[in-house]
Amino acid sequence: LASGCMSFVGPFHLNNREAMEFKTLAFEPGQPNYVEEFQTAEQLKRMVSEAENFDYTQFQAELKKEMLKRTGASNTVSEWVQGKIKTGLHDC
């Protein structure tokens, strides 16, 4: 995703927050989502075949914008935890 590519996930992706979030986002209505879910090998084969003919120029630009919106979230959480550790976790 961070490189601007459509991603495909199988049925066992429910523990992947990023996959869950981005499979609901499309850069334009009626266009593929940033993450596409498949259930069978046949579905994956069809999706890859369709993706080969897709114009990624605008897709990649919009996906990178979405990724940038989320950049730094881990650092924010880490800084919050470090602050709580320093203050003794009194108000958690």
Protein backbone atom coordinates (compact mmCIF):
# COMPACT_ATOMS: atom_id res chain seq x y z
CA LEU A 1 0.00 0.00 0.00
CA ALA A 2 2.72 2.47 0.94
CA SER A 3 4.18 2.14 -2.56
CA GLY A 4 0.84 3.03 -4.13
CA CYS A 5 -0.10 -0.45 -5.32
CA MET A 6 -3.45 -2.16 -5.05
CA SER A 7 -3.26 -5.03 -2.59
CA PHE A 8 -5.11 -8.31 -2.52
CA VAL A 9 -5.97 -10.11 0.69
CA GLY A 10 -7.49 -13.51 1.34
CA PRO A 11 -10.13 -14.42 3.89
CA PHE A 12 -7.71 -14.47 6.85
CA HIS A 13 -6.85 -10.77 6.95
CA LEU A 14 -9.20 -9.71 9.76
CA ASN A 15 -6.30 -9.17 12.18
CA ASN A 16 -4.69 -6.66 9.80
CA ARG A 17 -5.95 -3.18 10.69
CA GLU A 18 -4.56 -1.60 7.52
CA ALA A 19 -6.24 -4.18 5.27
CA MET A 20 -9.54 -3.75 7.08
CA GLU A 21 -9.42 0.02 6.75
CA PHE A 22 -8.26 0.27 3.14
CA LYS A 23 -10.60 -2.40 1.76
CA THR A 24 -13.44 0.07 2.40
CA LEU A 25 -11.72 2.93 0.55
CA ALA A 26 -11.79 3.55 -3.20
CA PHE A 27 -10.28 6.58 -4.88
CA GLU A 28 -13.42 7.02 -6.98
CA PRO A 29 -16.89 5.48 -6.75
CA GLY A 30 -17.12 2.42 -8.97
CA GLN A 31 -13.36 1.92 -9.04
CA PRO A 32 -11.43 -0.81 -7.22
CA ASN A 33 -10.74 -0.36 -3.53
CA TYR A 34 -7.16 0.13 -2.42
CA VAL A 35 -7.33 -3.36 -0.89
CA GLU A 36 -9.40 -6.01 -2.64
CA GLU A 37 -10.52 -9.13 -0.80
CA PHE A 38 -10.80 -12.51 -2.47
CA GLN A 39 -12.20 -15.80 -1.20
CA THR A 40 -11.06 -18.23 -3.88
CA ALA A 41 -8.11 -18.71 -6.19
CA GLU A 42 -10.44 -18.08 -9.14
CA GLN A 43 -11.42 -14.69 -7.71
CA LEU A 44 -7.77 -13.77 -7.21
CA LYS A 45 -6.93 -14.80 -10.76
CA ARG A 46 -9.78 -12.63 -12.12
CA MET A 47 -8.79 -9.65 -9.95
CA VAL A 48 -5.14 -9.81 -11.02
CA SER A 49 -6.20 -10.08 -14.66
CA GLU A 50 -8.46 -7.02 -14.33
CA ALA A 51 -5.75 -5.11 -12.45
CA GLU A 52 -3.29 -5.63 -15.31
CA ASN A 53 -5.46 -3.41 -17.51
CA PHE A 54 -6.07 -0.74 -14.89
CA ASP A 55 -4.60 2.78 -15.20
CA TYR A 56 -2.80 3.29 -11.89
CA THR A 57 -1.67 6.89 -12.36
CA GLN A 58 -4.47 8.59 -10.40
CA PHE A 59 -5.01 5.52 -8.18
CA GLN A 60 -1.42 5.63 -6.92
CA ALA A 61 -1.49 9.37 -6.29
CA GLU A 62 -4.71 9.15 -4.26
CA LEU A 63 -3.55 6.07 -2.34
CA LYS A 64 -0.31 7.80 -1.38
CA LYS A 65 -2.36 10.76 -0.09
CA GLU A 66 -4.42 8.37 2.06
CA MET A 67 -1.25 6.76 3.38
CA LEU A 68 0.28 10.15 4.23
CA LYS A 69 -2.80 11.04 6.29
CA ARG A 70 -1.97 8.08 8.51
CA THR A 71 1.80 8.50 8.67
CA GLY A 72 3.11 8.94 12.18
CA ALA A 73 0.29 7.20 14.02
CA SER A 74 2.67 4.65 15.56
CA ASN A 75 4.97 7.44 16.71
CA THR A 76 2.05 9.28 18.28
CA VAL A 77 0.99 6.20 20.23
CA SER A 78 4.58 5.46 21.23
CA GLU A 79 5.08 9.00 22.52
CA TRP A 80 1.82 8.79 24.48
CA VAL A 81 2.90 5.50 26.09
CA GLN A 82 6.34 6.91 26.93
CA GLY A 83 4.69 9.91 28.55
CA LYS A 84 2.43 7.65 30.61
CA ILE A 85 5.41 5.58 31.74
CA LYS A 86 7.27 8.70 32.83
CA THR A 87 4.28 9.98 34.81
CA GLY A 88 3.50 6.62 36.37
CA LEU A 89 0.34 5.83 34.35
CA HIS A 90 -1.81 7.65 36.93
CA ASP A 91 -4.58 8.77 34.59
CA CYS A 92 -4.97 5.83 32.17
